[in-house]
């Protein structure tokens, strides 16, 4: 069986930075907690290690994006129902089909999960963005090669990785409130924008404000003071450095893949904060 890897592409996803993130994982920790779940790159990497060693790894995954959490829960509890719906969507790929799926409002968890995975695989750059009404509004992504919409092997192993893992919809404040001394918390929030056009924070109506950023830094410090292992990803900006004064900060290079102008994609500085 292959190792699980994120079944969703996510703006700011950390797959490319995993080797550097793993260096900051404590040798021993209690419960792994990830309050900004997104694609779950670090969770799946750590869970893959635990599965290979036949060890348990208690984990609590959370996010304020309800649709994302419904998707993870549906894959955890009913992966075959999710895949059955994805296979049906694979039969009609194109802009017209995309717009029909985008305008749909499914009620059942498996339908919601299939819709989210399908849109993620077929929209522009895998971006997740909603308007003030909470409706997904990313345009169709024209691709030279038809994408794999139902990756059965990875979906099944991701479902296995999610067993004995708590998945819940809550914001970071509530998630950090339950962290105990010795737990390991990875915080990968929407970044403080480095320019007026670089913010991709509309994962929920209202986005993620600068007040949220300040509160997150305060909560992270409180968790550290309690004895929780904390690792934070942040944009390599002066604002981020100011927010996390007193923390240890490491600069790393990451590739920016989301920009309507392909010439403006490239390496950017990000921060790993402990």
Protein backbone atom coordinates (compact mmCIF):
# COMPACT_ATOMS: atom_id res chain seq x y z
CA UNK A 1 0.00 0.00 0.00
CA UNK A 2 1.31 3.43 -0.91
CA UNK A 3 1.71 6.23 1.62
CA UNK A 4 -1.22 8.66 1.89
CA UNK A 5 -0.76 12.12 0.46
CA UNK A 6 -3.16 15.08 0.22
CA UNK A 7 -6.19 14.34 -1.95
CA UNK A 8 -6.86 18.08 -2.29
CA UNK A 9 -4.58 20.74 -3.72
CA UNK A 10 -4.58 23.72 -1.36
CA UNK A 11 -3.30 27.26 -1.74
CA UNK A 12 -0.16 27.42 0.38
CA UNK A 13 -0.03 23.62 0.74
CA UNK A 14 3.15 22.37 2.39
CA UNK A 15 4.02 19.20 0.46
CA UNK A 16 7.16 20.79 -1.00
CA UNK A 17 8.33 21.91 2.47
CA UNK A 18 7.75 18.58 4.23
CA UNK A 19 11.48 17.74 4.70
CA UNK A 20 12.00 21.06 6.51
CA UNK A 21 8.77 20.77 8.50
CA UNK A 22 9.64 17.24 9.65
CA UNK A 23 12.89 18.51 11.15
CA UNK A 24 10.81 20.51 13.63
CA UNK A 25 8.58 17.62 14.70
CA UNK A 26 9.36 16.62 18.31
CA UNK A 27 10.74 13.11 18.84
CA UNK A 28 7.84 12.36 21.18
CA UNK A 29 4.49 14.06 21.50
CA UNK A 30 0.99 13.33 22.74
CA UNK A 31 -1.81 14.27 20.36
CA UNK A 32 -1.08 15.84 16.99
CA UNK A 33 -3.32 18.84 16.35
CA UNK A 34 -3.75 20.76 13.09
CA UNK A 35 -6.27 23.64 13.42
CA UNK A 36 -5.83 24.90 9.83
CA UNK A 37 -6.29 21.60 8.04
CA UNK A 38 -6.28 22.56 4.36
CA UNK A 39 -4.82 19.64 2.41
CA UNK A 40 -3.28 18.10 5.55
CA UNK A 41 0.23 17.57 4.11
CA UNK A 42 2.04 17.27 7.45
CA UNK A 43 -0.69 15.11 8.98
CA UNK A 44 -0.56 12.60 6.13
CA UNK A 45 3.26 12.53 6.24
CA UNK A 46 3.31 11.85 9.98
CA UNK A 47 0.48 9.33 9.71
CA UNK A 48 2.36 7.50 6.92
CA UNK A 49 5.39 7.18 9.22
CA UNK A 50 3.21 5.86 12.04
CA UNK A 51 1.44 3.38 9.75
CA UNK A 52 4.74 2.02 8.41
CA UNK A 53 5.98 1.52 11.98
CA UNK A 54 2.61 0.09 13.05
CA UNK A 55 2.26 2.74 15.73
CA UNK A 56 -0.76 4.75 16.77
CA UNK A 57 -0.79 8.52 16.38
CA UNK A 58 -3.67 10.29 18.12
CA UNK A 59 -4.67 13.30 16.03
CA UNK A 60 -7.27 16.06 16.02
CA UNK A 61 -7.79 17.81 12.68
CA UNK A 62 -9.92 20.92 12.48
CA UNK A 63 -10.75 23.90 10.31
CA UNK A 64 -13.37 26.65 10.24
CA UNK A 65 -14.22 25.67 6.64
CA UNK A 66 -17.29 23.49 7.11
CA UNK A 67 -17.28 22.09 3.56
CA UNK A 68 -13.66 20.98 3.96
CA UNK A 69 -14.46 19.19 7.22
CA UNK A 70 -17.52 17.49 5.73
CA UNK A 71 -15.28 16.25 2.91
CA UNK A 72 -12.67 14.78 5.27
CA UNK A 73 -15.38 13.15 7.39
CA UNK A 74 -17.11 11.65 4.37
CA UNK A 75 -13.82 10.19 3.14
CA UNK A 76 -13.17 8.81 6.62
CA UNK A 77 -16.57 7.14 7.06
CA UNK A 78 -17.81 6.36 3.53
CA UNK A 79 -14.94 6.40 1.01
CA UNK A 80 -16.69 4.07 -1.43
CA UNK A 81 -19.75 6.34 -1.64
CA UNK A 82 -17.49 9.31 -2.32
CA UNK A 83 -15.59 7.43 -5.03
CA UNK A 84 -18.80 6.18 -6.66
CA UNK A 85 -19.94 9.79 -7.10
CA UNK A 86 -16.52 10.91 -8.33
CA UNK A 87 -16.47 8.19 -10.98
CA UNK A 88 -19.85 9.43 -12.24
CA UNK A 89 -18.44 12.97 -12.50
CA UNK A 90 -15.40 11.72 -14.43
CA UNK A 91 -17.62 10.72 -17.35
CA UNK A 92 -18.46 14.34 -18.25
CA UNK A 93 -15.42 16.59 -17.97
CA UNK A 94 -15.44 20.13 -19.29
CA UNK A 95 -16.45 23.73 -18.62
CA UNK A 96 -20.20 23.09 -18.92
CA UNK A 97 -20.07 20.15 -16.51
CA UNK A 98 -17.87 22.20 -14.17
CA UNK A 99 -20.37 25.06 -14.01
CA UNK A 100 -23.23 22.67 -13.32
CA UNK A 101 -21.33 21.07 -10.44
CA UNK A 102 -20.19 24.45 -9.12
CA UNK A 103 -23.78 25.74 -8.98
CA UNK A 104 -25.06 22.59 -7.22
CA UNK A 105 -25.81 22.58 -3.49
CA UNK A 106 -25.54 18.95 -2.35
CA UNK A 107 -27.01 17.86 0.96
CA UNK A 108 -25.47 14.47 1.71
CA UNK A 109 -21.87 14.33 3.00
CA UNK A 110 -20.68 12.01 0.21
CA UNK A 111 -22.17 14.36 -2.41
CA UNK A 112 -20.52 17.36 -0.76
CA UNK A 113 -17.16 15.56 -0.68
CA UNK A 114 -17.38 14.46 -4.32
CA UNK A 115 -18.30 18.01 -5.38
CA UNK A 116 -15.40 19.52 -3.48
CA UNK A 117 -12.84 17.03 -4.79
CA UNK A 118 -14.14 17.39 -8.36
CA UNK A 119 -14.03 21.20 -8.25
CA UNK A 120 -10.58 21.12 -6.66
CA UNK A 121 -9.26 18.94 -9.49
CA UNK A 122 -10.86 20.96 -12.28
CA UNK A 123 -10.89 24.61 -11.14
CA UNK A 124 -8.21 27.24 -11.75
CA UNK A 125 -5.01 26.15 -9.98
CA UNK A 126 -6.86 24.14 -7.33
CA UNK A 127 -7.80 27.38 -5.58
CA UNK A 128 -10.55 27.35 -2.94
CA UNK A 129 -12.38 30.68 -2.65
CA UNK A 130 -15.90 31.65 -1.67
CA UNK A 131 -17.87 34.89 -1.94
CA UNK A 132 -19.63 36.66 0.93
CA UNK A 133 -22.57 34.27 0.59
CA UNK A 134 -20.24 31.32 1.07
CA UNK A 135 -20.58 30.13 -2.54
CA UNK A 136 -17.55 28.70 -4.34
CA UNK A 137 -16.71 31.08 -7.20
CA UNK A 138 -13.39 29.95 -8.73
CA UNK A 139 -13.47 29.70 -12.57
CA UNK A 140 -12.87 26.55 -14.59
CA UNK A 141 -9.22 25.63 -15.03
CA UNK A 142 -8.37 24.89 -18.66
CA UNK A 143 -5.80 22.07 -18.75
CA UNK A 144 -3.89 20.47 -21.61
CA UNK A 145 -4.18 17.09 -19.91
CA UNK A 146 -7.37 15.75 -18.38
CA UNK A 147 -6.90 15.57 -14.58
CA UNK A 148 -7.34 12.42 -12.50
CA UNK A 149 -10.55 13.11 -10.61
CA UNK A 150 -10.96 9.83 -8.74
CA UNK A 151 -7.56 8.64 -7.46
CA UNK A 152 -8.95 5.47 -5.93
CA UNK A 153 -5.69 4.17 -4.43
CA UNK A 154 -4.86 7.40 -2.61
CA UNK A 155 -8.44 8.05 -1.48
CA UNK A 156 -8.57 4.61 0.15
CA UNK A 157 -5.25 4.98 1.94
CA UNK A 158 -6.22 8.50 3.07
CA UNK A 159 -9.44 7.06 4.46
CA UNK A 160 -7.41 4.49 6.36
CA UNK A 161 -5.13 7.22 7.73
CA UNK A 162 -8.17 9.13 9.00
CA UNK A 163 -9.42 6.23 11.11
CA UNK A 164 -9.02 6.86 14.85
CA UNK A 165 -8.53 10.54 14.03
CA UNK A 166 -10.93 13.23 15.24
CA UNK A 167 -12.08 15.62 12.51
CA UNK A 168 -14.12 18.64 13.58
CA UNK A 169 -15.27 22.06 12.41
CA UNK A 170 -14.00 24.74 14.78
CA UNK A 171 -11.75 27.77 14.67
CA UNK A 172 -8.18 27.85 15.94
CA UNK A 173 -9.14 29.40 19.29
CA UNK A 174 -11.29 26.44 20.28
CA UNK A 175 -8.77 23.98 18.83
CA UNK A 176 -5.86 25.40 20.85
CA UNK A 177 -7.96 25.57 24.00
CA UNK A 178 -7.95 21.76 24.18
CA UNK A 179 -4.21 21.29 23.59
CA UNK A 180 -2.47 19.61 26.51
CA UNK A 181 1.18 19.85 27.61
CA UNK A 182 3.26 17.58 25.38
CA UNK A 183 0.88 17.79 22.41
CA UNK A 184 2.22 18.92 19.03
CA UNK A 185 0.31 21.67 17.20
CA UNK A 186 1.04 22.69 13.62
CA UNK A 187 -0.46 26.04 12.65
CA UNK A 188 -0.61 26.89 8.94
CA UNK A 189 -2.98 29.89 8.81
CA UNK A 190 -3.85 32.02 5.81
CA UNK A 191 -0.82 34.24 5.44
CA UNK A 192 -0.46 37.93 6.16
CA UNK A 193 -0.59 39.23 2.56
CA UNK A 194 2.69 40.54 1.15
CA UNK A 195 0.88 42.71 -1.41
CA UNK A 196 -2.64 43.89 -2.24
CA UNK A 197 -3.12 41.05 -4.73
CA UNK A 198 -1.41 38.18 -2.90
CA UNK A 199 -4.07 37.24 -0.34
CA UNK A 200 -5.89 33.92 -0.75
CA UNK A 201 -7.73 33.93 2.58
CA UNK A 202 -11.36 33.63 1.46
CA UNK A 203 -11.75 30.02 2.57
CA UNK A 204 -14.77 31.07 4.63
CA UNK A 205 -17.01 34.15 4.33
CA UNK A 206 -15.17 37.05 5.94
CA UNK A 207 -11.69 35.64 5.37
CA UNK A 208 -8.91 35.81 7.97
CA UNK A 209 -8.27 39.31 9.29
CA UNK A 210 -5.20 40.96 10.81
CA UNK A 211 -7.00 40.79 14.17
CA UNK A 212 -7.21 37.03 13.69
CA UNK A 213 -3.47 36.97 12.97
CA UNK A 214 -2.75 38.86 16.19
CA UNK A 215 -5.02 36.59 18.21
CA UNK A 216 -3.37 33.52 16.69
CA UNK A 217 0.08 34.71 17.77
CA UNK A 218 -1.25 35.31 21.29
CA UNK A 219 -2.86 31.85 21.45
CA UNK A 220 0.34 30.22 20.12
CA UNK A 221 2.39 31.89 22.85
CA UNK A 222 -0.11 30.79 25.50
CA UNK A 223 0.10 27.20 24.23
CA UNK A 224 3.90 27.31 24.32
CA UNK A 225 3.80 28.62 27.88
CA UNK A 226 1.63 25.63 28.77
CA UNK A 227 4.19 23.18 27.40
CA UNK A 228 2.65 22.46 24.00
CA UNK A 229 5.05 21.92 21.07
CA UNK A 230 4.13 24.59 18.51
CA UNK A 231 5.19 24.93 14.87
CA UNK A 232 3.85 27.80 12.77
CA UNK A 233 4.15 28.56 9.05
CA UNK A 234 4.02 32.22 8.03
CA UNK A 235 4.79 34.50 5.12
CA UNK A 236 8.32 35.88 5.06
CA UNK A 237 7.22 39.45 5.73
CA UNK A 238 8.15 42.08 8.30
CA UNK A 239 4.59 41.88 9.63
CA UNK A 240 5.01 38.17 10.35
CA UNK A 241 8.34 38.73 12.08
CA UNK A 242 6.79 41.44 14.22
CA UNK A 243 3.84 39.24 15.13
CA UNK A 244 6.12 36.46 16.37
CA UNK A 245 8.78 38.42 18.23
CA UNK A 246 10.31 36.19 20.89
CA UNK A 247 9.78 32.99 18.86
CA UNK A 248 12.57 31.15 17.03
CA UNK A 249 12.26 31.91 13.30
CA UNK A 250 13.77 29.99 10.38
CA UNK A 251 13.62 31.26 6.80
CA UNK A 252 12.88 28.72 4.06
CA UNK A 253 12.27 28.99 0.33
CA UNK A 254 8.99 27.83 -1.20
CA UNK A 255 7.65 27.98 -4.73
CA UNK A 256 4.61 30.17 -5.36
CA UNK A 257 2.34 28.31 -7.78
CA UNK A 258 -0.82 30.45 -7.71
CA UNK A 259 -0.70 33.57 -9.84
CA UNK A 260 -2.66 34.43 -12.96
CA UNK A 261 0.62 35.60 -14.49
CA UNK A 262 2.85 32.55 -14.87
CA UNK A 263 5.91 34.79 -15.05
CA UNK A 264 5.32 35.92 -11.47
CA UNK A 265 5.43 32.41 -10.04
CA UNK A 266 8.65 31.44 -8.35
CA UNK A 267 10.46 31.06 -5.05
CA UNK A 268 9.35 33.14 -2.08
CA UNK A 269 10.58 33.32 1.49
CA UNK A 270 8.42 31.71 4.15
CA UNK A 271 8.98 31.37 7.88
CA UNK A 272 8.94 28.35 10.17
CA UNK A 273 8.31 29.56 13.69
CA UNK A 274 8.75 27.63 16.95
